[in-house]
Amino acid sequence: MSQSQRAHAQEFGIDVNERIFKILYSGGFCISDKVDSYKMFGDGIVMAESPEHFAELVDHYINNPNETHEIVARGNKIVRKGHTGFHRVLQILKELGFEGPQISPIQSKIEELNKEA
């Protein structure tokens, strides 16, 4: 386990499932079990308190699909602004001592994503 993985696990207590990032980045709607570390997504995902609550939420949003649009937009924006593969690559390169022109193409891509978000 790398130092950044250990720090991440210490901060959140568990690893954050990569699937959530993929769902939100692609513009999908996500209902998840309640996991404290998923607070990082703010109100960009919906969390269920129990299996019964999960089923209730699924039924609710199937019957009220218009209510998902703002949640989807918020989740997508959160991921695009701070949690893409570009953000992780930039973080790794900086930790390895890369700077300036070596990382500027990645920084430019992140700025582009922030404008889209």
PDB file of N, CA and C in Angstrom:
ATOM      1  N   MET A   1       0.846  -1.170   0.000  1.00  0.00           N
ATOM      2  CA  MET A   1       0.000   0.000   0.000  1.00  0.00           C
ATOM      3  C   MET A   1       0.891   1.233   0.000  1.00  0.00           C
ATOM      4  N   SER A   2       0.628   2.173  -0.914  1.00  0.00           N
ATOM      5  CA  SER A   2       1.449   3.379  -1.007  1.00  0.00           C
ATOM      6  C   SER A   2       1.114   4.341   0.123  1.00  0.00           C
ATOM      7  N   GLN A   3       1.978   5.323   0.298  1.00  0.00           N
ATOM      8  CA  GLN A   3       1.767   6.310   1.357  1.00  0.00           C
ATOM      9  C   GLN A   3       0.452   7.054   1.144  1.00  0.00           C
ATOM     10  N   SER A   4       0.125   7.435  -0.119  1.00  0.00           N
ATOM     11  CA  SER A   4      -1.123   8.170  -0.369  1.00  0.00           C
ATOM     12  C   SER A   4      -2.334   7.277  -0.108  1.00  0.00           C
ATOM     13  N   GLN A   5      -2.241   5.981  -0.399  1.00  0.00           N
ATOM     14  CA  GLN A   5      -3.344   5.072  -0.104  1.00  0.00           C
ATOM     15  C   GLN A   5      -3.539   4.950   1.401  1.00  0.00           C
ATOM     16  N   ARG A   6      -2.443   4.872   2.138  1.00  0.00           N
ATOM     17  CA  ARG A   6      -2.555   4.772   3.589  1.00  0.00           C
ATOM     18  C   ARG A   6      -3.180   6.034   4.153  1.00  0.00           C
ATOM     19  N   ALA A   7      -2.752   7.191   3.688  1.00  0.00           N
ATOM     20  CA  ALA A   7      -3.315   8.451   4.171  1.00  0.00           C
ATOM     21  C   ALA A   7      -4.803   8.514   3.863  1.00  0.00           C
ATOM     22  N   HIS A   8      -5.160   8.072   2.679  1.00  0.00           N
ATOM     23  CA  HIS A   8      -6.565   8.071   2.266  1.00  0.00           C
ATOM     24  C   HIS A   8      -7.371   7.155   3.174  1.00  0.00           C
ATOM     25  N   ALA A   9      -6.874   5.978   3.425  1.00  0.00           N
ATOM     26  CA  ALA A   9      -7.576   5.024   4.278  1.00  0.00           C
ATOM     27  C   ALA A   9      -7.662   5.540   5.711  1.00  0.00           C
ATOM     28  N   GLN A  10      -6.620   6.221   6.174  1.00  0.00           N
ATOM     29  CA  GLN A  10      -6.655   6.785   7.524  1.00  0.00           C
ATOM     30  C   GLN A  10      -7.678   7.898   7.623  1.00  0.00           C
ATOM     31  N   GLU A  11      -7.754   8.732   6.592  1.00  0.00           N
ATOM     32  CA  GLU A  11      -8.695   9.845   6.608  1.00  0.00           C
ATOM     33  C   GLU A  11     -10.135   9.368   6.578  1.00  0.00           C
ATOM     34  N   PHE A  12     -10.429   8.399   5.720  1.00  0.00           N
ATOM     35  CA  PHE A  12     -11.808   7.975   5.525  1.00  0.00           C
ATOM     36  C   PHE A  12     -12.152   6.673   6.244  1.00  0.00           C
ATOM     37  N   GLY A  13     -11.165   5.953   6.729  1.00  0.00           N
ATOM     38  CA  GLY A  13     -11.432   4.701   7.417  1.00  0.00           C
ATOM     39  C   GLY A  13     -11.549   3.505   6.487  1.00  0.00           C
ATOM     40  N   ILE A  14     -11.882   3.748   5.237  1.00  0.00           N
ATOM     41  CA  ILE A  14     -11.985   2.704   4.214  1.00  0.00           C
ATOM     42  C   ILE A  14     -11.602   3.310   2.882  1.00  0.00           C
ATOM     43  N   ASP A  15     -11.415   2.469   1.906  1.00  0.00           N
ATOM     44  CA  ASP A  15     -11.215   2.975   0.555  1.00  0.00           C
ATOM     45  C   ASP A  15     -12.552   3.413  -0.014  1.00  0.00           C
ATOM     46  N   VAL A  16     -12.539   4.478  -0.784  1.00  0.00           N
ATOM     47  CA  VAL A  16     -13.745   4.940  -1.456  1.00  0.00           C
ATOM     48  C   VAL A  16     -13.860   4.158  -2.759  1.00  0.00           C
ATOM     49  N   ASN A  17     -15.020   3.576  -3.000  1.00  0.00           N
ATOM     50  CA  ASN A  17     -15.247   2.746  -4.172  1.00  0.00           C
ATOM     51  C   ASN A  17     -15.122   3.575  -5.442  1.00  0.00           C
ATOM     52  N   GLU A  18     -14.283   3.139  -6.350  1.00  0.00           N
ATOM     53  CA  GLU A  18     -14.051   3.853  -7.606  1.00  0.00           C
ATOM     54  C   GLU A  18     -15.321   3.958  -8.454  1.00  0.00           C
ATOM     55  N   ARG A  19     -16.217   3.021  -8.286  1.00  0.00           N
ATOM     56  CA  ARG A  19     -17.451   3.004  -9.073  1.00  0.00           C
ATOM     57  C   ARG A  19     -18.247   4.309  -8.910  1.00  0.00           C
ATOM     58  N   ILE A  20     -18.260   4.854  -7.705  1.00  0.00           N
ATOM     59  CA  ILE A  20     -19.007   6.097  -7.449  1.00  0.00           C
ATOM     60  C   ILE A  20     -18.456   7.228  -8.322  1.00  0.00           C
ATOM     61  N   PHE A  21     -17.135   7.341  -8.409  1.00  0.00           N
ATOM     62  CA  PHE A  21     -16.520   8.373  -9.237  1.00  0.00           C
ATOM     63  C   PHE A  21     -16.930   8.201 -10.702  1.00  0.00           C
ATOM     64  N   LYS A  22     -16.921   6.969 -11.170  1.00  0.00           N
ATOM     65  CA  LYS A  22     -17.276   6.692 -12.563  1.00  0.00           C
ATOM     66  C   LYS A  22     -18.739   7.033 -12.840  1.00  0.00           C
ATOM     67  N   ILE A  23     -19.616   6.678 -11.919  1.00  0.00           N
ATOM     68  CA  ILE A  23     -21.037   6.986 -12.091  1.00  0.00           C
ATOM     69  C   ILE A  23     -21.238   8.489 -12.178  1.00  0.00           C
ATOM     70  N   LEU A  24     -20.664   9.219 -11.226  1.00  0.00           N
ATOM     71  CA  LEU A  24     -20.872  10.673 -11.185  1.00  0.00           C
ATOM     72  C   LEU A  24     -20.212  11.377 -12.374  1.00  0.00           C
ATOM     73  N   TYR A  25     -19.013  10.941 -12.746  1.00  0.00           N
ATOM     74  CA  TYR A  25     -18.324  11.572 -13.871  1.00  0.00           C
ATOM     75  C   TYR A  25     -19.104  11.387 -15.165  1.00  0.00           C
ATOM     76  N   SER A  26     -19.733  10.234 -15.315  1.00  0.00           N
ATOM     77  CA  SER A  26     -20.460   9.960 -16.556  1.00  0.00           C
ATOM     78  C   SER A  26     -21.852  10.587 -16.572  1.00  0.00           C
ATOM     79  N   GLY A  27     -22.213  11.265 -15.487  1.00  0.00           N
ATOM     80  CA  GLY A  27     -23.520  11.918 -15.441  1.00  0.00           C
ATOM     81  C   GLY A  27     -24.623  11.009 -14.949  1.00  0.00           C
ATOM     82  N   GLY A  28     -24.234   9.964 -14.234  1.00  0.00           N
ATOM     83  CA  GLY A  28     -25.221   9.026 -13.714  1.00  0.00           C
ATOM     84  C   GLY A  28     -25.746   9.432 -12.353  1.00  0.00           C
ATOM     85  N   PHE A  29     -26.853   8.846 -11.989  1.00  0.00           N
ATOM     86  CA  PHE A  29     -27.488   9.066 -10.693  1.00  0.00           C
ATOM     87  C   PHE A  29     -27.084   7.933  -9.771  1.00  0.00           C
ATOM     88  N   CYS A  30     -26.728   8.254  -8.526  1.00  0.00           N
ATOM     89  CA  CYS A  30     -26.209   7.248  -7.622  1.00  0.00           C
ATOM     90  C   CYS A  30     -26.960   7.241  -6.298  1.00  0.00           C
ATOM     91  N   ILE A  31     -27.472   6.069  -5.966  1.00  0.00           N
ATOM     92  CA  ILE A  31     -27.972   5.804  -4.619  1.00  0.00           C
ATOM     93  C   ILE A  31     -26.994   4.804  -4.024  1.00  0.00           C
ATOM     94  N   SER A  32     -26.464   5.120  -2.853  1.00  0.00           N
ATOM     95  CA  SER A  32     -25.446   4.285  -2.228  1.00  0.00           C
ATOM     96  C   SER A  32     -25.841   3.934  -0.801  1.00  0.00           C
ATOM     97  N   ASP A  33     -25.235   2.875  -0.299  1.00  0.00           N
ATOM     98  CA  ASP A  33     -25.299   2.631   1.130  1.00  0.00           C
ATOM     99  C   ASP A  33     -24.639   3.822   1.815  1.00  0.00           C
ATOM    100  N   LYS A  34     -25.002   4.073   3.047  1.00  0.00           N
ATOM    101  CA  LYS A  34     -24.396   5.185   3.776  1.00  0.00           C
ATOM    102  C   LYS A  34     -22.978   4.800   4.184  1.00  0.00           C
ATOM    103  N   VAL A  35     -22.026   5.562   3.675  1.00  0.00           N
ATOM    104  CA  VAL A  35     -20.612   5.377   3.980  1.00  0.00           C
ATOM    105  C   VAL A  35     -20.081   6.754   4.331  1.00  0.00           C
ATOM    106  N   ASP A  36     -19.515   6.906   5.524  1.00  0.00           N
ATOM    107  CA  ASP A  36     -19.089   8.223   5.980  1.00  0.00           C
ATOM    108  C   ASP A  36     -18.176   8.943   4.989  1.00  0.00           C
ATOM    109  N   SER A  37     -17.280   8.207   4.352  1.00  0.00           N
ATOM    110  CA  SER A  37     -16.346   8.858   3.430  1.00  0.00           C
ATOM    111  C   SER A  37     -17.036   9.439   2.201  1.00  0.00           C
ATOM    112  N   TYR A  38     -18.257   8.986   1.918  1.00  0.00           N
ATOM    113  CA  TYR A  38     -18.969   9.507   0.750  1.00  0.00           C
ATOM    114  C   TYR A  38     -19.509  10.907   0.994  1.00  0.00           C
ATOM    115  N   LYS A  39     -19.293  11.448   2.198  1.00  0.00           N
ATOM    116  CA  LYS A  39     -19.652  12.843   2.461  1.00  0.00           C
ATOM    117  C   LYS A  39     -18.888  13.770   1.510  1.00  0.00           C
ATOM    118  N   MET A  40     -17.779  13.274   0.984  1.00  0.00           N
ATOM    119  CA  MET A  40     -16.984  14.074   0.048  1.00  0.00           C
ATOM    120  C   MET A  40     -17.796  14.447  -1.200  1.00  0.00           C
ATOM    121  N   PHE A  41     -18.859  13.702  -1.482  1.00  0.00           N
ATOM    122  CA  PHE A  41     -19.700  13.977  -2.644  1.00  0.00           C
ATOM    123  C   PHE A  41     -20.854  14.915  -2.305  1.00  0.00           C
ATOM    124  N   GLY A  42     -20.924  15.337  -1.051  1.00  0.00           N
ATOM    125  CA  GLY A  42     -21.963  16.271  -0.646  1.00  0.00           C
ATOM    126  C   GLY A  42     -23.343  15.766  -1.018  1.00  0.00           C
ATOM    127  N   ASP A  43     -24.127  16.662  -1.587  1.00  0.00           N
ATOM    128  CA  ASP A  43     -25.480  16.274  -1.998  1.00  0.00           C
ATOM    129  C   ASP A  43     -25.511  15.879  -3.471  1.00  0.00           C
ATOM    130  N   GLY A  44     -24.370  15.351  -3.953  1.00  0.00           N
ATOM    131  CA  GLY A  44     -24.283  14.859  -5.318  1.00  0.00           C
ATOM    132  C   GLY A  44     -24.616  13.386  -5.435  1.00  0.00           C
ATOM    133  N   ILE A  45     -24.859  12.736  -4.297  1.00  0.00           N
ATOM    134  CA  ILE A  45     -25.356  11.361  -4.289  1.00  0.00           C
ATOM    135  C   ILE A  45     -26.435  11.264  -3.215  1.00  0.00           C
ATOM    136  N   VAL A  46     -27.196  10.196  -3.276  1.00  0.00           N
ATOM    137  CA  VAL A  46     -28.226   9.915  -2.281  1.00  0.00           C
ATOM    138  C   VAL A  46     -27.767   8.691  -1.505  1.00  0.00           C
ATOM    139  N   MET A  47     -27.825   8.782  -0.162  1.00  0.00           N
ATOM    140  CA  MET A  47     -27.390   7.650   0.651  1.00  0.00           C
ATOM    141  C   MET A  47     -28.558   7.083   1.448  1.00  0.00           C
ATOM    142  N   ALA A  48     -28.616   5.773   1.471  1.00  0.00           N
ATOM    143  CA  ALA A  48     -29.675   5.055   2.185  1.00  0.00           C
ATOM    144  C   ALA A  48     -29.186   4.646   3.565  1.00  0.00           C
ATOM    145  N   GLU A  49     -30.070   4.730   4.524  1.00  0.00           N
ATOM    146  CA  GLU A  49     -29.756   4.382   5.912  1.00  0.00           C
ATOM    147  C   GLU A  49     -29.867   2.880   6.188  1.00  0.00           C
ATOM    148  N   SER A  50     -30.640   2.168   5.371  1.00  0.00           N
ATOM    149  CA  SER A  50     -30.882   0.746   5.593  1.00  0.00           C
ATOM    150  C   SER A  50     -31.310   0.111   4.273  1.00  0.00           C
ATOM    151  N   PRO A  51     -31.345  -1.206   4.202  1.00  0.00           N
ATOM    152  CA  PRO A  51     -31.834  -1.848   2.972  1.00  0.00           C
ATOM    153  C   PRO A  51     -33.274  -1.431   2.631  1.00  0.00           C
ATOM    154  N   GLU A  52     -34.094  -1.273   3.647  1.00  0.00           N
ATOM    155  CA  GLU A  52     -35.478  -0.843   3.407  1.00  0.00           C
ATOM    156  C   GLU A  52     -35.523   0.582   2.859  1.00  0.00           C
ATOM    157  N   HIS A  53     -34.689   1.438   3.434  1.00  0.00           N
ATOM    158  CA  HIS A  53     -34.616   2.829   2.961  1.00  0.00           C
ATOM    159  C   HIS A  53     -34.093   2.870   1.526  1.00  0.00           C
ATOM    160  N   PHE A  54     -33.139   2.002   1.225  1.00  0.00           N
ATOM    161  CA  PHE A  54     -32.594   1.919  -0.132  1.00  0.00           C
ATOM    162  C   PHE A  54     -33.724   1.616  -1.115  1.00  0.00           C
ATOM    163  N   ALA A  55     -34.533   0.618  -0.788  1.00  0.00           N
ATOM    164  CA  ALA A  55     -35.658   0.242  -1.662  1.00  0.00           C
ATOM    165  C   ALA A  55     -36.645   1.398  -1.803  1.00  0.00           C
ATOM    166  N   GLU A  56     -36.909   2.102  -0.720  1.00  0.00           N
ATOM    167  CA  GLU A  56     -37.815   3.260  -0.767  1.00  0.00           C
ATOM    168  C   GLU A  56     -37.255   4.347  -1.689  1.00  0.00           C
ATOM    169  N   LEU A  57     -35.953   4.601  -1.569  1.00  0.00           N
ATOM    170  CA  LEU A  57     -35.329   5.623  -2.413  1.00  0.00           C
ATOM    171  C   LEU A  57     -35.385   5.233  -3.888  1.00  0.00           C
ATOM    172  N   VAL A  58     -35.118   3.983  -4.184  1.00  0.00           N
ATOM    173  CA  VAL A  58     -35.183   3.514  -5.569  1.00  0.00           C
ATOM    174  C   VAL A  58     -36.592   3.731  -6.112  1.00  0.00           C
ATOM    175  N   ASP A  59     -37.592   3.313  -5.368  1.00  0.00           N
ATOM    176  CA  ASP A  59     -38.983   3.510  -5.805  1.00  0.00           C
ATOM    177  C   ASP A  59     -39.300   4.990  -5.985  1.00  0.00           C
ATOM    178  N   HIS A  60     -38.862   5.801  -5.024  1.00  0.00           N
ATOM    179  CA  HIS A  60     -39.146   7.240  -5.096  1.00  0.00           C
ATOM    180  C   HIS A  60     -38.564   7.862  -6.371  1.00  0.00           C
ATOM    181  N   TYR A  61     -37.288   7.607  -6.626  1.00  0.00           N
ATOM    182  CA  TYR A  61     -36.648   8.250  -7.772  1.00  0.00           C
ATOM    183  C   TYR A  61     -37.084   7.656  -9.109  1.00  0.00           C
ATOM    184  N   ILE A  62     -37.500   6.412  -9.128  1.00  0.00           N
ATOM    185  CA  ILE A  62     -38.074   5.850 -10.356  1.00  0.00           C
ATOM    186  C   ILE A  62     -39.385   6.563 -10.673  1.00  0.00           C
ATOM    187  N   ASN A  63     -40.154   6.843  -9.627  1.00  0.00           N
ATOM    188  CA  ASN A  63     -41.443   7.508  -9.816  1.00  0.00           C
ATOM    189  C   ASN A  63     -41.341   9.025  -9.927  1.00  0.00           C
ATOM    190  N   ASN A  64     -40.176   9.595  -9.619  1.00  0.00           N
ATOM    191  CA  ASN A  64     -39.970  11.045  -9.664  1.00  0.00           C
ATOM    192  C   ASN A  64     -38.624  11.353 -10.332  1.00  0.00           C
ATOM    193  N   PRO A  65     -38.460  10.954 -11.579  1.00  0.00           N
ATOM    194  CA  PRO A  65     -37.142  11.099 -12.221  1.00  0.00           C
ATOM    195  C   PRO A  65     -36.675  12.543 -12.352  1.00  0.00           C
ATOM    196  N   ASN A  66     -37.579  13.491 -12.393  1.00  0.00           N
ATOM    197  CA  ASN A  66     -37.168  14.899 -12.503  1.00  0.00           C
ATOM    198  C   ASN A  66     -36.381  15.363 -11.283  1.00  0.00           C
ATOM    199  N   GLU A  67     -36.563  14.697 -10.161  1.00  0.00           N
ATOM    200  CA  GLU A  67     -35.847  15.070  -8.940  1.00  0.00           C
ATOM    201  C   GLU A  67     -34.367  14.679  -8.992  1.00  0.00           C
ATOM    202  N   THR A  68     -33.991  13.868  -9.945  1.00  0.00           N
ATOM    203  CA  THR A  68     -32.599  13.417 -10.019  1.00  0.00           C
ATOM    204  C   THR A  68     -31.685  14.398 -10.742  1.00  0.00           C
ATOM    205  N   HIS A  69     -32.228  15.262 -11.571  1.00  0.00           N
ATOM    206  CA  HIS A  69     -31.405  16.102 -12.450  1.00  0.00           C
ATOM    207  C   HIS A  69     -30.428  16.993 -11.681  1.00  0.00           C
ATOM    208  N   GLU A  70     -30.901  17.668 -10.646  1.00  0.00           N
ATOM    209  CA  GLU A  70     -30.009  18.550  -9.889  1.00  0.00           C
ATOM    210  C   GLU A  70     -28.974  17.754  -9.106  1.00  0.00           C
ATOM    211  N   ILE A  71     -29.366  16.608  -8.584  1.00  0.00           N
ATOM    212  CA  ILE A  71     -28.424  15.756  -7.840  1.00  0.00           C
ATOM    213  C   ILE A  71     -27.322  15.275  -8.779  1.00  0.00           C
ATOM    214  N   VAL A  72     -27.707  14.845  -9.963  1.00  0.00           N
ATOM    215  CA  VAL A  72     -26.731  14.394 -10.969  1.00  0.00           C
ATOM    216  C   VAL A  72     -25.761  15.518 -11.317  1.00  0.00           C
ATOM    217  N   ALA A  73     -26.273  16.716 -11.537  1.00  0.00           N
ATOM    218  CA  ALA A  73     -25.415  17.854 -11.896  1.00  0.00           C
ATOM    219  C   ALA A  73     -24.419  18.164 -10.776  1.00  0.00           C
ATOM    220  N   ARG A  74     -24.883  18.128  -9.532  1.00  0.00           N
ATOM    221  CA  ARG A  74     -23.987  18.419  -8.406  1.00  0.00           C
ATOM    222  C   ARG A  74     -22.905  17.343  -8.284  1.00  0.00           C
ATOM    223  N   GLY A  75     -23.279  16.080  -8.403  1.00  0.00           N
ATOM    224  CA  GLY A  75     -22.296  15.007  -8.301  1.00  0.00           C
ATOM    225  C   GLY A  75     -21.256  15.074  -9.401  1.00  0.00           C
ATOM    226  N   ASN A  76     -21.712  15.355 -10.603  1.00  0.00           N
ATOM    227  CA  ASN A  76     -20.802  15.469 -11.741  1.00  0.00           C
ATOM    228  C   ASN A  76     -19.820  16.619 -11.532  1.00  0.00           C
ATOM    229  N   LYS A  77     -20.312  17.737 -11.037  1.00  0.00           N
ATOM    230  CA  LYS A  77     -19.458  18.907 -10.812  1.00  0.00           C
ATOM    231  C   LYS A  77     -18.406  18.623  -9.739  1.00  0.00           C
ATOM    232  N   ILE A  78     -18.807  17.944  -8.672  1.00  0.00           N
ATOM    233  CA  ILE A  78     -17.873  17.619  -7.592  1.00  0.00           C
ATOM    234  C   ILE A  78     -16.723  16.768  -8.113  1.00  0.00           C
ATOM    235  N   VAL A  79     -17.037  15.762  -8.918  1.00  0.00           N
ATOM    236  CA  VAL A  79     -15.983  14.891  -9.447  1.00  0.00           C
ATOM    237  C   VAL A  79     -15.112  15.639 -10.448  1.00  0.00           C
ATOM    238  N   ARG A  80     -15.716  16.369 -11.361  1.00  0.00           N
ATOM    239  CA  ARG A  80     -14.936  17.104 -12.374  1.00  0.00           C
ATOM    240  C   ARG A  80     -14.013  18.147 -11.749  1.00  0.00           C
ATOM    241  N   LYS A  81     -14.421  18.739 -10.649  1.00  0.00           N
ATOM    242  CA  LYS A  81     -13.616  19.794 -10.028  1.00  0.00           C
ATOM    243  C   LYS A  81     -12.498  19.271  -9.132  1.00  0.00           C
ATOM    244  N   GLY A  82     -12.540  17.992  -8.740  1.00  0.00           N
ATOM    245  CA  GLY A  82     -11.485  17.579  -7.832  1.00  0.00           C
ATOM    246  C   GLY A  82     -11.137  16.110  -7.778  1.00  0.00           C
ATOM    247  N   HIS A  83     -11.784  15.290  -8.606  1.00  0.00           N
ATOM    248  CA  HIS A  83     -11.574  13.856  -8.409  1.00  0.00           C
ATOM    249  C   HIS A  83     -11.480  13.060  -9.709  1.00  0.00           C
ATOM    250  N   THR A  84     -10.871  13.627 -10.730  1.00  0.00           N
ATOM    251  CA  THR A  84     -10.686  12.877 -11.975  1.00  0.00           C
ATOM    252  C   THR A  84      -9.319  12.194 -11.962  1.00  0.00           C
ATOM    253  N   GLY A  85      -9.104  11.355 -12.937  1.00  0.00           N
ATOM    254  CA  GLY A  85      -7.785  10.744 -13.099  1.00  0.00           C
ATOM    255  C   GLY A  85      -6.704  11.797 -13.278  1.00  0.00           C
ATOM    256  N   PHE A  86      -7.053  12.922 -13.922  1.00  0.00           N
ATOM    257  CA  PHE A  86      -6.082  14.002 -14.101  1.00  0.00           C
ATOM    258  C   PHE A  86      -5.651  14.581 -12.753  1.00  0.00           C
ATOM    259  N   HIS A  87      -6.593  14.723 -11.843  1.00  0.00           N
ATOM    260  CA  HIS A  87      -6.264  15.222 -10.503  1.00  0.00           C
ATOM    261  C   HIS A  87      -5.310  14.265  -9.788  1.00  0.00           C
ATOM    262  N   ARG A  88      -5.573  12.959  -9.908  1.00  0.00           N
ATOM    263  CA  ARG A  88      -4.708  11.984  -9.232  1.00  0.00           C
ATOM    264  C   ARG A  88      -3.324  11.951  -9.861  1.00  0.00           C
ATOM    265  N   VAL A  89      -3.240  12.003 -11.199  1.00  0.00           N
ATOM    266  CA  VAL A  89      -1.937  12.004 -11.868  1.00  0.00           C
ATOM    267  C   VAL A  89      -1.141  13.237 -11.455  1.00  0.00           C
ATOM    268  N   LEU A  90      -1.792  14.388 -11.435  1.00  0.00           N
ATOM    269  CA  LEU A  90      -1.112  15.622 -11.035  1.00  0.00           C
ATOM    270  C   LEU A  90      -0.599  15.502  -9.604  1.00  0.00           C
ATOM    271  N   GLN A  91      -1.397  14.962  -8.726  1.00  0.00           N
ATOM    272  CA  GLN A  91      -0.998  14.777  -7.334  1.00  0.00           C
ATOM    273  C   GLN A  91       0.235  13.875  -7.247  1.00  0.00           C
ATOM    274  N   ILE A  92       0.232  12.778  -7.984  1.00  0.00           N
ATOM    275  CA  ILE A  92       1.364  11.854  -7.965  1.00  0.00           C
ATOM    276  C   ILE A  92       2.623  12.522  -8.512  1.00  0.00           C
ATOM    277  N   LEU A  93       2.482  13.206  -9.653  1.00  0.00           N
ATOM    278  CA  LEU A  93       3.653  13.861 -10.252  1.00  0.00           C
ATOM    279  C   LEU A  93       4.236  14.925  -9.325  1.00  0.00           C
ATOM    280  N   LYS A  94       3.379  15.677  -8.670  1.00  0.00           N
ATOM    281  CA  LYS A  94       3.875  16.692  -7.730  1.00  0.00           C
ATOM    282  C   LYS A  94       4.616  16.037  -6.567  1.00  0.00           C
ATOM    283  N   GLU A  95       4.089  14.928  -6.065  1.00  0.00           N
ATOM    284  CA  GLU A  95       4.765  14.224  -4.971  1.00  0.00           C
ATOM    285  C   GLU A  95       6.118  13.666  -5.409  1.00  0.00           C
ATOM    286  N   LEU A  96       6.243  13.376  -6.704  1.00  0.00           N
ATOM    287  CA  LEU A  96       7.518  12.891  -7.236  1.00  0.00           C
ATOM    288  C   LEU A  96       8.472  14.027  -7.592  1.00  0.00           C
ATOM    289  N   GLY A  97       8.014  15.268  -7.405  1.00  0.00           N
ATOM    290  CA  GLY A  97       8.888  16.417  -7.626  1.00  0.00           C
ATOM    291  C   GLY A  97       8.772  17.062  -8.992  1.00  0.00           C
ATOM    292  N   PHE A  98       7.841  16.635  -9.816  1.00  0.00           N
ATOM    293  CA  PHE A  98       7.655  17.268 -11.119  1.00  0.00           C
ATOM    294  C   PHE A  98       6.956  18.603 -10.924  1.00  0.00           C
ATOM    295  N   GLU A  99       7.309  19.561 -11.779  1.00  0.00           N
ATOM    296  CA  GLU A  99       6.692  20.880 -11.678  1.00  0.00           C
ATOM    297  C   GLU A  99       6.802  21.622 -13.004  1.00  0.00           C
ATOM    298  N   GLY A 100       6.202  22.797 -13.053  1.00  0.00           N
ATOM    299  CA  GLY A 100       6.281  23.674 -14.214  1.00  0.00           C
ATOM    300  C   GLY A 100       5.813  23.026 -15.499  1.00  0.00           C
ATOM    301  N   PRO A 101       6.654  23.120 -16.550  1.00  0.00           N
ATOM    302  CA  PRO A 101       6.248  22.629 -17.864  1.00  0.00           C
ATOM    303  C   PRO A 101       5.991  21.122 -17.893  1.00  0.00           C
ATOM    304  N   GLN A 102       6.534  20.405 -16.945  1.00  0.00           N
ATOM    305  CA  GLN A 102       6.331  18.952 -16.908  1.00  0.00           C
ATOM    306  C   GLN A 102       4.888  18.595 -16.551  1.00  0.00           C
ATOM    307  N   ILE A 103       4.236  19.455 -15.805  1.00  0.00           N
ATOM    308  CA  ILE A 103       2.871  19.154 -15.370  1.00  0.00           C
ATOM    309  C   ILE A 103       1.826  20.098 -15.954  1.00  0.00           C
ATOM    310  N   SER A 104       2.280  21.111 -16.699  1.00  0.00           N
ATOM    311  CA  SER A 104       1.324  22.103 -17.213  1.00  0.00           C
ATOM    312  C   SER A 104       0.254  21.527 -18.141  1.00  0.00           C
ATOM    313  N   PRO A 105       0.542  20.505 -18.978  1.00  0.00           N
ATOM    314  CA  PRO A 105      -0.547  19.953 -19.799  1.00  0.00           C
ATOM    315  C   PRO A 105      -1.675  19.344 -18.949  1.00  0.00           C
ATOM    316  N   ILE A 106      -1.298  18.737 -17.841  1.00  0.00           N
ATOM    317  CA  ILE A 106      -2.309  18.142 -16.965  1.00  0.00           C
ATOM    318  C   ILE A 106      -3.093  19.247 -16.263  1.00  0.00           C
ATOM    319  N   GLN A 107      -2.403  20.270 -15.817  1.00  0.00           N
ATOM    320  CA  GLN A 107      -3.090  21.398 -15.179  1.00  0.00           C
ATOM    321  C   GLN A 107      -4.051  22.063 -16.158  1.00  0.00           C
ATOM    322  N   SER A 108      -3.655  22.162 -17.418  1.00  0.00           N
ATOM    323  CA  SER A 108      -4.536  22.743 -18.438  1.00  0.00           C
ATOM    324  C   SER A 108      -5.793  21.911 -18.618  1.00  0.00           C
ATOM    325  N   LYS A 109      -5.650  20.605 -18.606  1.00  0.00           N
ATOM    326  CA  LYS A 109      -6.810  19.719 -18.745  1.00  0.00           C
ATOM    327  C   LYS A 109      -7.750  19.873 -17.547  1.00  0.00           C
ATOM    328  N   ILE A 110      -7.193  20.004 -16.366  1.00  0.00           N
ATOM    329  CA  ILE A 110      -8.014  20.198 -15.175  1.00  0.00           C
ATOM    330  C   ILE A 110      -8.766  21.515 -15.263  1.00  0.00           C
ATOM    331  N   GLU A 111      -8.110  22.567 -15.722  1.00  0.00           N
ATOM    332  CA  GLU A 111      -8.780  23.863 -15.896  1.00  0.00           C
ATOM    333  C   GLU A 111      -9.909  23.757 -16.892  1.00  0.00           C
ATOM    334  N   GLU A 112      -9.689  23.007 -17.964  1.00  0.00           N
ATOM    335  CA  GLU A 112     -10.729  22.777 -18.972  1.00  0.00           C
ATOM    336  C   GLU A 112     -11.939  22.067 -18.357  1.00  0.00           C
ATOM    337  N   LEU A 113     -11.674  21.048 -17.545  1.00  0.00           N
ATOM    338  CA  LEU A 113     -12.765  20.316 -16.880  1.00  0.00           C
ATOM    339  C   LEU A 113     -13.518  21.224 -15.916  1.00  0.00           C
ATOM    340  N   ASN A 114     -12.802  22.103 -15.222  1.00  0.00           N
ATOM    341  CA  ASN A 114     -13.447  23.019 -14.280  1.00  0.00           C
ATOM    342  C   ASN A 114     -14.378  23.992 -14.998  1.00  0.00           C
ATOM    343  N   LYS A 115     -14.008  24.400 -16.206  1.00  0.00           N
ATOM    344  CA  LYS A 115     -14.874  25.299 -16.987  1.00  0.00           C
ATOM    345  C   LYS A 115     -16.156  24.586 -17.420  1.00  0.00           C
ATOM    346  N   GLU A 116     -16.029  23.286 -17.712  1.00  0.00           N
ATOM    347  CA  GLU A 116     -17.182  22.497 -18.136  1.00  0.00           C
ATOM    348  C   GLU A 116     -18.120  22.195 -16.982  1.00  0.00           C
ATOM    349  N   ALA A 117     -17.571  22.140 -15.773  1.00  0.00           N
ATOM    350  CA  ALA A 117     -18.362  21.733 -14.597  1.00  0.00           C
ATOM    351  C   ALA A 117     -19.334  22.796 -14.150  1.00  0.00           C
TER     352      ALA A 117
END
